[in-house]
Structures are given as structure tokens and as C-alpha cells.
C-alpha atoms as a PDB file:
ATOM      1  CA  UNK A   1      27.304  -7.784  22.302  1.00  0.00           C
ATOM      2  CA  UNK A   2      28.249  -4.108  22.455  1.00  0.00           C
ATOM      3  CA  UNK A   3      27.171  -3.627  18.856  1.00  0.00           C
ATOM      4  CA  UNK A   4      23.643  -4.888  19.594  1.00  0.00           C
ATOM      5  CA  UNK A   5      23.066  -2.706  22.668  1.00  0.00           C
ATOM      6  CA  UNK A   6      21.596   0.269  20.701  1.00  0.00           C
ATOM      7  CA  UNK A   7      19.377  -2.075  18.688  1.00  0.00           C
ATOM      8  CA  UNK A   8      18.164  -3.775  21.859  1.00  0.00           C
ATOM      9  CA  UNK A   9      17.549  -0.396  23.514  1.00  0.00           C
ATOM     10  CA  UNK A  10      15.538   0.795  20.507  1.00  0.00           C
ATOM     11  CA  UNK A  11      13.489  -2.417  20.489  1.00  0.00           C
ATOM     12  CA  UNK A  12      12.707  -1.995  24.194  1.00  0.00           C
ATOM     13  CA  UNK A  13      11.711   1.649  23.692  1.00  0.00           C
ATOM     14  CA  UNK A  14       9.459   0.682  20.752  1.00  0.00           C
ATOM     15  CA  UNK A  15       7.804  -2.102  22.753  1.00  0.00           C
ATOM     16  CA  UNK A  16       7.238   0.221  25.717  1.00  0.00           C
ATOM     17  CA  UNK A  17       5.750   2.838  23.420  1.00  0.00           C
ATOM     18  CA  UNK A  18       3.382   0.307  21.831  1.00  0.00           C
ATOM     19  CA  UNK A  19       2.226  -1.128  25.153  1.00  0.00           C
ATOM     20  CA  UNK A  20       1.979   2.350  26.694  1.00  0.00           C
ATOM     21  CA  UNK A  21      -0.128   3.651  23.800  1.00  0.00           C
ATOM     22  CA  UNK A  22      -2.613   0.800  24.088  1.00  0.00           C
ATOM     23  CA  UNK A  23      -2.769   1.153  27.882  1.00  0.00           C
ATOM     24  CA  UNK A  24      -3.268   4.936  27.733  1.00  0.00           C
ATOM     25  CA  UNK A  25      -6.045   4.648  25.162  1.00  0.00           C
ATOM     26  CA  UNK A  26      -7.830   2.146  27.402  1.00  0.00           C
ATOM     27  CA  UNK A  27      -7.436   4.381  30.466  1.00  0.00           C
ATOM     28  CA  UNK A  28      -8.123   7.793  28.930  1.00  0.00           C
ATOM     29  CA  UNK A  29     -10.614   6.891  26.189  1.00  0.00           C
ATOM     30  CA  UNK A  30     -14.365   6.813  26.720  1.00  0.00           C
ATOM     31  CA  UNK A  31     -15.759   3.504  27.857  1.00  0.00           C
ATOM     32  CA  UNK A  32     -19.342   4.023  26.658  1.00  0.00           C
ATOM     33  CA  UNK A  33     -20.378   1.215  24.330  1.00  0.00           C
ATOM     34  CA  UNK A  34     -23.188   1.614  21.856  1.00  0.00           C
ATOM     35  CA  UNK A  35     -24.392  -0.106  18.706  1.00  0.00           C
ATOM     36  CA  UNK A  36     -22.526   2.214  16.335  1.00  0.00           C
ATOM     37  CA  UNK A  37     -19.235   1.656  18.109  1.00  0.00           C
ATOM     38  CA  UNK A  38     -19.550  -2.119  17.931  1.00  0.00           C
ATOM     39  CA  UNK A  39     -20.460  -2.112  14.219  1.00  0.00           C
ATOM     40  CA  UNK A  40     -17.799  -2.749  11.617  1.00  0.00           C
ATOM     41  CA  UNK A  41     -16.487   0.399   9.925  1.00  0.00           C
ATOM     42  CA  UNK A  42     -16.411   0.511   6.138  1.00  0.00           C
ATOM     43  CA  UNK A  43     -15.177   4.012   5.274  1.00  0.00           C
ATOM     44  CA  UNK A  44     -18.334   5.737   6.455  1.00  0.00           C
ATOM     45  CA  UNK A  45     -20.635   3.502   4.424  1.00  0.00           C
ATOM     46  CA  UNK A  46     -23.334   1.577   6.249  1.00  0.00           C
ATOM     47  CA  UNK A  47     -22.360  -2.110   6.146  1.00  0.00           C
ATOM     48  CA  UNK A  48     -24.665  -4.270   4.086  1.00  0.00           C
ATOM     49  CA  UNK A  49     -25.476  -7.879   4.868  1.00  0.00           C
ATOM     50  CA  UNK A  50     -23.514 -10.317   2.741  1.00  0.00           C
ATOM     51  CA  UNK A  51     -23.842 -14.026   2.069  1.00  0.00           C
ATOM     52  CA  UNK A  52     -22.000 -16.487   4.280  1.00  0.00           C
ATOM     53  CA  UNK A  53     -19.280 -17.051   1.679  1.00  0.00           C
ATOM     54  CA  UNK A  54     -18.553 -13.328   1.511  1.00  0.00           C
ATOM     55  CA  UNK A  55     -20.115 -12.641  -1.874  1.00  0.00           C
ATOM     56  CA  UNK A  56     -18.365 -11.585  -5.073  1.00  0.00           C
ATOM     57  CA  UNK A  57     -16.163  -8.541  -5.531  1.00  0.00           C
ATOM     58  CA  UNK A  58     -16.298  -6.519  -8.743  1.00  0.00           C
ATOM     59  CA  UNK A  59     -13.452  -7.211 -11.151  1.00  0.00           C
ATOM     60  CA  UNK A  60     -12.426  -3.513 -11.024  1.00  0.00           C
ATOM     61  CA  UNK A  61     -10.939  -4.067  -7.558  1.00  0.00           C
ATOM     62  CA  UNK A  62      -8.594  -6.722  -8.882  1.00  0.00           C
ATOM     63  CA  UNK A  63      -7.670  -4.698 -11.963  1.00  0.00           C
ATOM     64  CA  UNK A  64      -6.805  -1.719  -9.773  1.00  0.00           C
ATOM     65  CA  UNK A  65      -4.678  -3.935  -7.533  1.00  0.00           C
ATOM     66  CA  UNK A  66      -2.825  -5.361 -10.530  1.00  0.00           C
ATOM     67  CA  UNK A  67      -2.221  -1.865 -11.914  1.00  0.00           C
ATOM     68  CA  UNK A  68      -0.816  -0.792  -8.572  1.00  0.00           C
ATOM     69  CA  UNK A  69       1.561  -3.759  -8.584  1.00  0.00           C
ATOM     70  CA  UNK A  70       2.686  -3.058 -12.157  1.00  0.00           C
ATOM     71  CA  UNK A  71       3.500   0.575 -11.390  1.00  0.00           C
ATOM     72  CA  UNK A  72       5.222  -0.441  -8.153  1.00  0.00           C
ATOM     73  CA  UNK A  73       7.442  -2.816 -10.101  1.00  0.00           C
ATOM     74  CA  UNK A  74       8.173  -0.037 -12.576  1.00  0.00           C
ATOM     75  CA  UNK A  75       9.388   2.191  -9.753  1.00  0.00           C
ATOM     76  CA  UNK A  76      11.554  -0.639  -8.394  1.00  0.00           C
ATOM     77  CA  UNK A  77      13.205  -0.957 -11.807  1.00  0.00           C
ATOM     78  CA  UNK A  78      13.780   2.799 -11.992  1.00  0.00           C
ATOM     79  CA  UNK A  79      15.839   2.988  -8.767  1.00  0.00           C
ATOM     80  CA  UNK A  80      18.912   1.034  -9.910  1.00  0.00           C
ATOM     81  CA  UNK A  81      18.835   2.858 -13.229  1.00  0.00           C
ATOM     82  CA  UNK A  82      18.804   6.224 -11.462  1.00  0.00           C
ATOM     83  CA  UNK A  83      21.636   5.219  -9.121  1.00  0.00           C
ATOM     84  CA  UNK A  84      23.942   3.897 -11.853  1.00  0.00           C
ATOM     85  CA  UNK A  85      22.881   6.191 -14.677  1.00  0.00           C
ATOM     86  CA  UNK A  86      26.461   7.290 -15.451  1.00  0.00           C
ATOM     87  CA  UNK A  87      27.776   3.729 -15.662  1.00  0.00           C
ATOM     88  CA  UNK A  88      25.120   2.573 -18.152  1.00  0.00           C
ATOM     89  CA  UNK A  89      25.488   5.432 -20.580  1.00  0.00           C
ATOM     90  CA  UNK A  90      23.381   5.649 -23.727  1.00  0.00           C
ATOM     91  CA  UNK A  91      22.452   1.951 -23.653  1.00  0.00           C
ATOM     92  CA  UNK A  92      20.813   2.345 -20.230  1.00  0.00           C
ATOM     93  CA  UNK A  93      18.956   5.439 -21.392  1.00  0.00           C
ATOM     94  CA  UNK A  94      17.565   3.722 -24.495  1.00  0.00           C
ATOM     95  CA  UNK A  95      16.518   0.627 -22.533  1.00  0.00           C
ATOM     96  CA  UNK A  96      14.745   2.721 -19.900  1.00  0.00           C
ATOM     97  CA  UNK A  97      12.932   4.782 -22.542  1.00  0.00           C
ATOM     98  CA  UNK A  98      11.693   1.537 -24.132  1.00  0.00           C
ATOM     99  CA  UNK A  99      10.619   0.212 -20.731  1.00  0.00           C
ATOM    100  CA  UNK A 100       8.770   3.404 -19.775  1.00  0.00           C
ATOM    101  CA  UNK A 101       7.144   3.565 -23.224  1.00  0.00           C
ATOM    102  CA  UNK A 102       5.735   0.036 -22.881  1.00  0.00           C
ATOM    103  CA  UNK A 103       4.369   0.803 -19.410  1.00  0.00           C
ATOM    104  CA  UNK A 104       2.894   4.069 -20.708  1.00  0.00           C
ATOM    105  CA  UNK A 105       1.172   2.239 -23.580  1.00  0.00           C
ATOM    106  CA  UNK A 106      -0.386  -0.158 -21.065  1.00  0.00           C
ATOM    107  CA  UNK A 107      -1.451   2.786 -18.878  1.00  0.00           C
ATOM    108  CA  UNK A 108      -3.020   4.585 -21.874  1.00  0.00           C
ATOM    109  CA  UNK A 109      -4.866   1.395 -22.849  1.00  0.00           C
ATOM    110  CA  UNK A 110      -6.295   0.955 -19.347  1.00  0.00           C
ATOM    111  CA  UNK A 111      -7.250   4.634 -19.180  1.00  0.00           C
ATOM    112  CA  UNK A 112      -8.939   4.504 -22.596  1.00  0.00           C
ATOM    113  CA  UNK A 113     -10.916   1.366 -21.686  1.00  0.00           C
ATOM    114  CA  UNK A 114     -12.222   3.041 -18.501  1.00  0.00           C
ATOM    115  CA  UNK A 115     -10.309   0.915 -16.025  1.00  0.00           C
ATOM    116  CA  UNK A 116      -9.534   3.929 -13.830  1.00  0.00           C
ATOM    117  CA  UNK A 117     -13.138   5.152 -13.473  1.00  0.00           C
ATOM    118  CA  UNK A 118     -15.065   4.375 -10.272  1.00  0.00           C
ATOM    119  CA  UNK A 119     -18.723   4.566 -11.295  1.00  0.00           C
END
């Protein structure tokens, strides 16, 4: 139980901080309610009415999300290679160059087709 005491203390401090932050914002913050405050916030853009089902999103959103995931996975594969670079030697270097080249070809293709433009 002695080993868990610092973890328990940190969890209690974090919980107190979270509850205290919410309580202080309710006490100190302004309590004036108006229409703009009750509206949903969409990055400064006036919200537009949408159909009941939510409407359709442009395909560019999904393509951007998939690109983000691909480059995240690339970074995850680069970490073990960077940590054990000495142990892998020339074989590891060649494999990583091939991997980065294939990802770069995909990136160049998406860039050339206009997948990164937000018109």
C-alpha cells in the first residue's frame, strides 16, 4: 500500500483541482445569459440550420482525417527505429528509407490532386 500512496495523493489533488476549477468558474464568472451565449459555437461561424439527420459532410473531411491517421502511424513506426538504430544497422536504414519513400509518394499524390486545399 505504501507504493500507491503517491499515486493516490496525486489522484486526490487532480480531482480537487478539477472540482475547484469548475466551482470557481461558476462563482467568479458572469451569470448574465443571453442568446449568443446559449447558441452553439462553431469556430466563430454562425451556425446554420441542418436537417434532422445531421446532413452530409464533404468527403474532404474524411480524407483529411485518414491522412492524419496515416502520418500518425508513420511517426509511431519511426520511434522504435530511432531508439534501436544502432542494433538494426544498414538493413534498418534501407527499410526505413523505403517506408518513408512510399509515404512520401502518397503525400505527393494527395498534394498534387488537391487533397490538402480548403476551398
